[in-house]
PDB file of N, CA and C in Angstrom:
ATOM      1  N   GLU A   1     114.150  81.766  92.191  1.00  0.00           N
ATOM      2  CA  GLU A   1     114.290  82.432  90.724  1.00  0.00           C
ATOM      3  C   GLU A   1     114.804  83.881  91.240  1.00  0.00           C
ATOM      4  N   TRP A   2     116.020  84.246  90.769  1.00  0.00           N
ATOM      5  CA  TRP A   2     116.638  85.645  91.191  1.00  0.00           C
ATOM      6  C   TRP A   2     116.298  86.490  90.101  1.00  0.00           C
ATOM      7  N   HIS A   3     115.955  87.876  90.715  1.00  0.00           N
ATOM      8  CA  HIS A   3     115.941  88.920  89.576  1.00  0.00           C
ATOM      9  C   HIS A   3     116.653  90.156  90.200  1.00  0.00           C
ATOM     10  N   HIS A   4     116.926  91.017  89.344  1.00  0.00           N
ATOM     11  CA  HIS A   4     117.737  92.230  89.494  1.00  0.00           C
ATOM     12  C   HIS A   4     116.707  93.420  89.136  1.00  0.00           C
ATOM     13  N   VAL A   5     116.638  94.119  90.569  1.00  0.00           N
ATOM     14  CA  VAL A   5     115.661  95.384  90.284  1.00  0.00           C
ATOM     15  C   VAL A   5     116.605  96.589  90.594  1.00  0.00           C
ATOM     16  N   ALA A   6     116.652  97.567  89.964  1.00  0.00           N
ATOM     17  CA  ALA A   6     117.179  98.833  90.042  1.00  0.00           C
ATOM     18  C   ALA A   6     116.367  99.938  89.959  1.00  0.00           C
ATOM     19  N   VAL A   7     116.538 101.022  90.606  1.00  0.00           N
ATOM     20  CA  VAL A   7     115.883 102.384  90.478  1.00  0.00           C
ATOM     21  C   VAL A   7     116.893 103.368  90.426  1.00  0.00           C
ATOM     22  N   GLN A   8     116.836 104.053  89.506  1.00  0.00           N
ATOM     23  CA  GLN A   8     117.850 105.266  89.070  1.00  0.00           C
ATOM     24  C   GLN A   8     117.009 106.652  89.088  1.00  0.00           C
ATOM     25  N   TYR A   9     117.689 107.490  89.963  1.00  0.00           N
ATOM     26  CA  TYR A   9     116.958 108.989  89.718  1.00  0.00           C
ATOM     27  C   TYR A   9     118.330 109.873  89.157  1.00  0.00           C
ATOM     28  N   ASP A  10     118.069 110.563  88.057  1.00  0.00           N
ATOM     29  CA  ASP A  10     119.407 111.383  87.543  1.00  0.00           C
ATOM     30  C   ASP A  10     118.817 112.895  87.508  1.00  0.00           C
ATOM     31  N   GLY A  11     117.756 113.291  88.436  1.00  0.00           N
ATOM     32  CA  GLY A  11     117.517 114.645  88.524  1.00  0.00           C
ATOM     33  C   GLY A  11     116.563 115.215  87.648  1.00  0.00           C
ATOM     34  N   GLN A  12     116.107 114.259  86.662  1.00  0.00           N
ATOM     35  CA  GLN A  12     115.391 114.479  85.436  1.00  0.00           C
ATOM     36  C   GLN A  12     114.096 113.516  85.500  1.00  0.00           C
ATOM     37  N   SER A  13     114.285 112.271  85.962  1.00  0.00           N
ATOM     38  CA  SER A  13     113.434 111.368  85.692  1.00  0.00           C
ATOM     39  C   SER A  13     113.691 110.207  86.702  1.00  0.00           C
ATOM     40  N   ILE A  14     112.782 109.364  86.942  1.00  0.00           N
ATOM     41  CA  ILE A  14     112.986 108.284  87.764  1.00  0.00           C
ATOM     42  C   ILE A  14     112.672 106.990  86.834  1.00  0.00           C
ATOM     43  N   LYS A  15     113.865 106.195  86.811  1.00  0.00           N
ATOM     44  CA  LYS A  15     113.772 104.885  85.866  1.00  0.00           C
ATOM     45  C   LYS A  15     113.712 103.544  86.694  1.00  0.00           C
ATOM     46  N   THR A  16     113.074 102.644  86.489  1.00  0.00           N
ATOM     47  CA  THR A  16     112.954 101.334  87.169  1.00  0.00           C
ATOM     48  C   THR A  16     113.367 100.485  86.135  1.00  0.00           C
ATOM     49  N   PHE A  17     114.555  99.588  86.516  1.00  0.00           N
ATOM     50  CA  PHE A  17     115.006  98.425  85.654  1.00  0.00           C
ATOM     51  C   PHE A  17     114.775  97.178  86.301  1.00  0.00           C
ATOM     52  N   PHE A  18     114.384  96.039  85.502  1.00  0.00           N
ATOM     53  CA  PHE A  18     113.981  94.670  85.951  1.00  0.00           C
ATOM     54  C   PHE A  18     114.790  93.893  85.069  1.00  0.00           C
ATOM     55  N   ASP A  19     115.762  93.213  85.696  1.00  0.00           N
ATOM     56  CA  ASP A  19     116.840  92.177  84.862  1.00  0.00           C
ATOM     57  C   ASP A  19     117.415  93.031  83.626  1.00  0.00           C
ATOM     58  N   GLY A  20     117.867  94.344  84.030  1.00  0.00           N
ATOM     59  CA  GLY A  20     118.654  94.973  83.053  1.00  0.00           C
ATOM     60  C   GLY A  20     117.807  95.587  82.088  1.00  0.00           C
ATOM     61  N   ARG A  21     116.438  95.551  81.949  1.00  0.00           N
ATOM     62  CA  ARG A  21     115.329  96.154  81.115  1.00  0.00           C
ATOM     63  C   ARG A  21     114.771  97.387  81.654  1.00  0.00           C
ATOM     64  N   LEU A  22     114.474  98.264  80.967  1.00  0.00           N
ATOM     65  CA  LEU A  22     113.710  99.583  81.435  1.00  0.00           C
ATOM     66  C   LEU A  22     112.269  99.079  81.494  1.00  0.00           C
ATOM     67  N   VAL A  23     111.713  99.153  82.711  1.00  0.00           N
ATOM     68  CA  VAL A  23     110.234  98.903  82.627  1.00  0.00           C
ATOM     69  C   VAL A  23     109.230  99.876  82.973  1.00  0.00           C
ATOM     70  N   HIS A  24     109.980 100.911  83.549  1.00  0.00           N
ATOM     71  CA  HIS A  24     108.974 102.307  83.835  1.00  0.00           C
ATOM     72  C   HIS A  24     109.965 103.487  83.884  1.00  0.00           C
ATOM     73  N   GLU A  25     109.354 104.434  83.438  1.00  0.00           N
ATOM     74  CA  GLU A  25     110.216 105.768  83.474  1.00  0.00           C
ATOM     75  C   GLU A  25     109.112 106.942  83.677  1.00  0.00           C
ATOM     76  N   GLN A  26     109.333 107.928  84.767  1.00  0.00           N
ATOM     77  CA  GLN A  26     108.527 108.887  84.880  1.00  0.00           C
ATOM     78  C   GLN A  26     109.230 110.068  85.217  1.00  0.00           C
ATOM     79  N   PRO A  27     108.862 111.305  84.437  1.00  0.00           N
ATOM     80  CA  PRO A  27     109.530 112.714  84.930  1.00  0.00           C
ATOM     81  C   PRO A  27     109.421 113.000  86.363  1.00  0.00           C
ATOM     82  N   GLY A  28     110.460 113.424  86.908  1.00  0.00           N
ATOM     83  CA  GLY A  28     110.325 113.774  88.126  1.00  0.00           C
ATOM     84  C   GLY A  28     111.593 114.815  88.617  1.00  0.00           C
ATOM     85  N   THR A  29     111.469 115.992  89.206  1.00  0.00           N
ATOM     86  CA  THR A  29     112.386 116.667  89.634  1.00  0.00           C
ATOM     87  C   THR A  29     112.226 116.918  91.255  1.00  0.00           C
ATOM     88  N   PHE A  30     112.928 116.399  92.085  1.00  0.00           N
ATOM     89  CA  PHE A  30     112.906 116.827  93.585  1.00  0.00           C
ATOM     90  C   PHE A  30     114.210 116.780  94.022  1.00  0.00           C
ATOM     91  N   ARG A  31     114.313 117.113  95.282  1.00  0.00           N
ATOM     92  CA  ARG A  31     115.487 117.309  96.072  1.00  0.00           C
ATOM     93  C   ARG A  31     115.548 116.084  97.042  1.00  0.00           C
ATOM     94  N   LEU A  32     116.547 115.093  96.838  1.00  0.00           N
ATOM     95  CA  LEU A  32     116.963 114.212  97.666  1.00  0.00           C
ATOM     96  C   LEU A  32     117.541 114.747  98.897  1.00  0.00           C
ATOM     97  N   GLN A  33     117.205 114.433 100.053  1.00  0.00           N
ATOM     98  CA  GLN A  33     117.781 114.803 101.162  1.00  0.00           C
ATOM     99  C   GLN A  33     117.634 113.811 102.373  1.00  0.00           C
ATOM    100  N   SER A  34     118.400 113.663 103.446  1.00  0.00           N
ATOM    101  CA  SER A  34     118.315 113.027 104.523  1.00  0.00           C
ATOM    102  C   SER A  34     117.280 113.318 105.211  1.00  0.00           C
ATOM    103  N   ALA A  35     116.619 112.334 106.127  1.00  0.00           N
ATOM    104  CA  ALA A  35     115.481 112.532 106.857  1.00  0.00           C
ATOM    105  C   ALA A  35     115.559 111.777 108.119  1.00  0.00           C
ATOM    106  N   PRO A  36     114.823 112.216 109.293  1.00  0.00           N
ATOM    107  CA  PRO A  36     115.009 111.466 110.334  1.00  0.00           C
ATOM    108  C   PRO A  36     113.921 110.271 110.395  1.00  0.00           C
ATOM    109  N   THR A  37     113.323 110.079 109.355  1.00  0.00           N
ATOM    110  CA  THR A  37     112.316 108.775 109.315  1.00  0.00           C
ATOM    111  C   THR A  37     113.164 107.553 108.749  1.00  0.00           C
ATOM    112  N   PRO A  38     112.633 106.607 109.040  1.00  0.00           N
ATOM    113  CA  PRO A  38     113.174 105.248 108.580  1.00  0.00           C
ATOM    114  C   PRO A  38     113.293 104.990 107.128  1.00  0.00           C
ATOM    115  N   LEU A  39     114.192 104.355 106.517  1.00  0.00           N
ATOM    116  CA  LEU A  39     114.108 103.897 105.316  1.00  0.00           C
ATOM    117  C   LEU A  39     113.600 102.469 105.222  1.00  0.00           C
ATOM    118  N   GLY A  40     112.444 102.339 104.536  1.00  0.00           N
ATOM    119  CA  GLY A  40     111.819 100.999 104.652  1.00  0.00           C
ATOM    120  C   GLY A  40     112.106 100.306 103.225  1.00  0.00           C
ATOM    121  N   ILE A  41     113.234  99.371 103.417  1.00  0.00           N
ATOM    122  CA  ILE A  41     113.567  98.447 102.219  1.00  0.00           C
ATOM    123  C   ILE A  41     112.767  97.099 102.517  1.00  0.00           C
ATOM    124  N   GLY A  42     111.887  96.763 101.466  1.00  0.00           N
ATOM    125  CA  GLY A  42     111.086  95.557 101.702  1.00  0.00           C
ATOM    126  C   GLY A  42     110.034  95.542 102.546  1.00  0.00           C
ATOM    127  N   ALA A  43     109.523  96.877 102.707  1.00  0.00           N
ATOM    128  CA  ALA A  43     108.204  97.105 103.789  1.00  0.00           C
ATOM    129  C   ALA A  43     107.731  98.422 103.211  1.00  0.00           C
ATOM    130  N   ARG A  44     106.478  98.454 103.493  1.00  0.00           N
ATOM    131  CA  ARG A  44     105.741  99.818 103.293  1.00  0.00           C
ATOM    132  C   ARG A  44     105.710 100.462 104.739  1.00  0.00           C
ATOM    133  N   LEU A  45     105.912 101.782 104.762  1.00  0.00           N
ATOM    134  CA  LEU A  45     105.845 102.578 105.780  1.00  0.00           C
ATOM    135  C   LEU A  45     104.361 102.846 106.016  1.00  0.00           C
ATOM    136  N   SER A  46     103.963 102.667 107.130  1.00  0.00           N
ATOM    137  CA  SER A  46     102.481 103.163 107.425  1.00  0.00           C
ATOM    138  C   SER A  46     102.358 104.594 107.963  1.00  0.00           C
ATOM    139  N   SER A  47     103.302 105.293 108.521  1.00  0.00           N
ATOM    140  CA  SER A  47     103.248 106.577 108.859  1.00  0.00           C
ATOM    141  C   SER A  47     105.049 106.820 108.954  1.00  0.00           C
ATOM    142  N   LEU A  48     105.232 108.027 109.486  1.00  0.00           N
ATOM    143  CA  LEU A  48     106.526 108.547 109.432  1.00  0.00           C
ATOM    144  C   LEU A  48     107.575 107.654 110.325  1.00  0.00           C
ATOM    145  N   SER A  49     106.902 106.846 111.265  1.00  0.00           N
ATOM    146  CA  SER A  49     107.670 106.201 112.275  1.00  0.00           C
ATOM    147  C   SER A  49     107.677 104.707 112.517  1.00  0.00           C
ATOM    148  N   SER A  50     106.627 104.004 111.679  1.00  0.00           N
ATOM    149  CA  SER A  50     106.355 102.711 111.718  1.00  0.00           C
ATOM    150  C   SER A  50     106.111 102.060 110.625  1.00  0.00           C
ATOM    151  N   ILE A  51     106.295 100.652 110.673  1.00  0.00           N
ATOM    152  CA  ILE A  51     106.219  99.814 109.544  1.00  0.00           C
ATOM    153  C   ILE A  51     105.106  98.907 109.774  1.00  0.00           C
ATOM    154  N   VAL A  52     104.067  98.775 108.739  1.00  0.00           N
ATOM    155  CA  VAL A  52     102.973  97.853 108.962  1.00  0.00           C
ATOM    156  C   VAL A  52     103.242  96.483 108.657  1.00  0.00           C
ATOM    157  N   PRO A  53     103.298  95.658 109.756  1.00  0.00           N
ATOM    158  CA  PRO A  53     103.860  94.101 109.464  1.00  0.00           C
ATOM    159  C   PRO A  53     103.043  93.448 108.246  1.00  0.00           C
ATOM    160  N   SER A  54     101.812  93.855 107.994  1.00  0.00           N
ATOM    161  CA  SER A  54     101.144  93.130 106.930  1.00  0.00           C
ATOM    162  C   SER A  54     101.791  93.491 105.578  1.00  0.00           C
ATOM    163  N   HIS A  55     102.603  94.711 105.480  1.00  0.00           N
ATOM    164  CA  HIS A  55     103.021  94.897 104.156  1.00  0.00           C
ATOM    165  C   HIS A  55     104.533  94.620 103.844  1.00  0.00           C
ATOM    166  N   PHE A  56     105.054  93.686 104.607  1.00  0.00           N
ATOM    167  CA  PHE A  56     106.696  93.091 104.377  1.00  0.00           C
ATOM    168  C   PHE A  56     106.537  92.556 102.986  1.00  0.00           C
ATOM    169  N   TYR A  57     107.547  92.689 102.300  1.00  0.00           N
ATOM    170  CA  TYR A  57     107.968  91.647 101.036  1.00  0.00           C
ATOM    171  C   TYR A  57     108.197  90.563 101.756  1.00  0.00           C
ATOM    172  N   THR A  58     107.704  89.549 101.037  1.00  0.00           N
ATOM    173  CA  THR A  58     107.780  88.015 101.310  1.00  0.00           C
ATOM    174  C   THR A  58     108.948  87.213 100.699  1.00  0.00           C
ATOM    175  N   GLY A  59     109.513  87.933  99.794  1.00  0.00           N
ATOM    176  CA  GLY A  59     110.685  87.230  99.353  1.00  0.00           C
ATOM    177  C   GLY A  59     112.082  87.274 100.046  1.00  0.00           C
ATOM    178  N   VAL A  60     113.129  87.273  99.339  1.00  0.00           N
ATOM    179  CA  VAL A  60     114.326  87.456  99.969  1.00  0.00           C
ATOM    180  C   VAL A  60     115.332  88.439  99.219  1.00  0.00           C
ATOM    181  N   ILE A  61     115.790  89.339 100.096  1.00  0.00           N
ATOM    182  CA  ILE A  61     116.390  90.487  99.299  1.00  0.00           C
ATOM    183  C   ILE A  61     117.783  90.067  99.444  1.00  0.00           C
ATOM    184  N   ASP A  62     118.747  89.675  98.728  1.00  0.00           N
ATOM    185  CA  ASP A  62     120.250  89.173  98.754  1.00  0.00           C
ATOM    186  C   ASP A  62     120.884  90.359  99.025  1.00  0.00           C
ATOM    187  N   GLN A  63     120.914  91.502  98.160  1.00  0.00           N
ATOM    188  CA  GLN A  63     121.781  92.499  98.210  1.00  0.00           C
ATOM    189  C   GLN A  63     121.156  93.781  97.998  1.00  0.00           C
ATOM    190  N   MET A  64     121.501  94.965  98.682  1.00  0.00           N
ATOM    191  CA  MET A  64     120.834  96.254  98.617  1.00  0.00           C
ATOM    192  C   MET A  64     122.040  97.196  98.592  1.00  0.00           C
ATOM    193  N   ARG A  65     122.093  98.232  97.680  1.00  0.00           N
ATOM    194  CA  ARG A  65     123.229  99.339  97.778  1.00  0.00           C
ATOM    195  C   ARG A  65     122.385 100.701  97.394  1.00  0.00           C
ATOM    196  N   ILE A  66     123.017 101.614  97.934  1.00  0.00           N
ATOM    197  CA  ILE A  66     122.434 102.954  97.639  1.00  0.00           C
ATOM    198  C   ILE A  66     123.791 103.774  97.277  1.00  0.00           C
ATOM    199  N   SER A  67     123.791 104.314  96.182  1.00  0.00           N
ATOM    200  CA  SER A  67     124.732 105.049  95.728  1.00  0.00           C
ATOM    201  C   SER A  67     124.476 106.370  95.032  1.00  0.00           C
ATOM    202  N   ASN A  68     125.552 107.290  95.106  1.00  0.00           N
ATOM    203  CA  ASN A  68     125.182 108.768  94.493  1.00  0.00           C
ATOM    204  C   ASN A  68     126.083 108.835  93.080  1.00  0.00           C
ATOM    205  N   ILE A  69     126.319 107.624  92.524  1.00  0.00           N
ATOM    206  CA  ILE A  69     126.761 107.535  91.282  1.00  0.00           C
ATOM    207  C   ILE A  69     125.780 106.684  90.272  1.00  0.00           C
ATOM    208  N   THR A  70     125.438 107.213  89.126  1.00  0.00           N
ATOM    209  CA  THR A  70     124.617 106.437  88.265  1.00  0.00           C
ATOM    210  C   THR A  70     125.360 105.254  87.761  1.00  0.00           C
ATOM    211  N   ARG A  71     124.427 104.164  87.905  1.00  0.00           N
ATOM    212  CA  ARG A  71     124.974 102.664  87.466  1.00  0.00           C
ATOM    213  C   ARG A  71     123.888 102.275  86.426  1.00  0.00           C
ATOM    214  N   TYR A  72     124.364 101.513  85.423  1.00  0.00           N
ATOM    215  CA  TYR A  72     123.520 101.011  84.405  1.00  0.00           C
ATOM    216  C   TYR A  72     123.514  99.381  84.613  1.00  0.00           C
TER     217      TYR A  72
END
């Protein structure tokens, strides 16, 4: 069974969508910036430089995009 998950940050709040429906929203203002640390997609980072093998997502990620344009 496939699902679509999206996370949106607009400078004022962080919104999480599941299959097109807003399921979580929280206020948040922070500066997005590049970092020398790895980006863990489907895994939890245990420190600034390693991924804990026991925290891998067990499903399949079919597609992943990062965009600087807000998409709904």
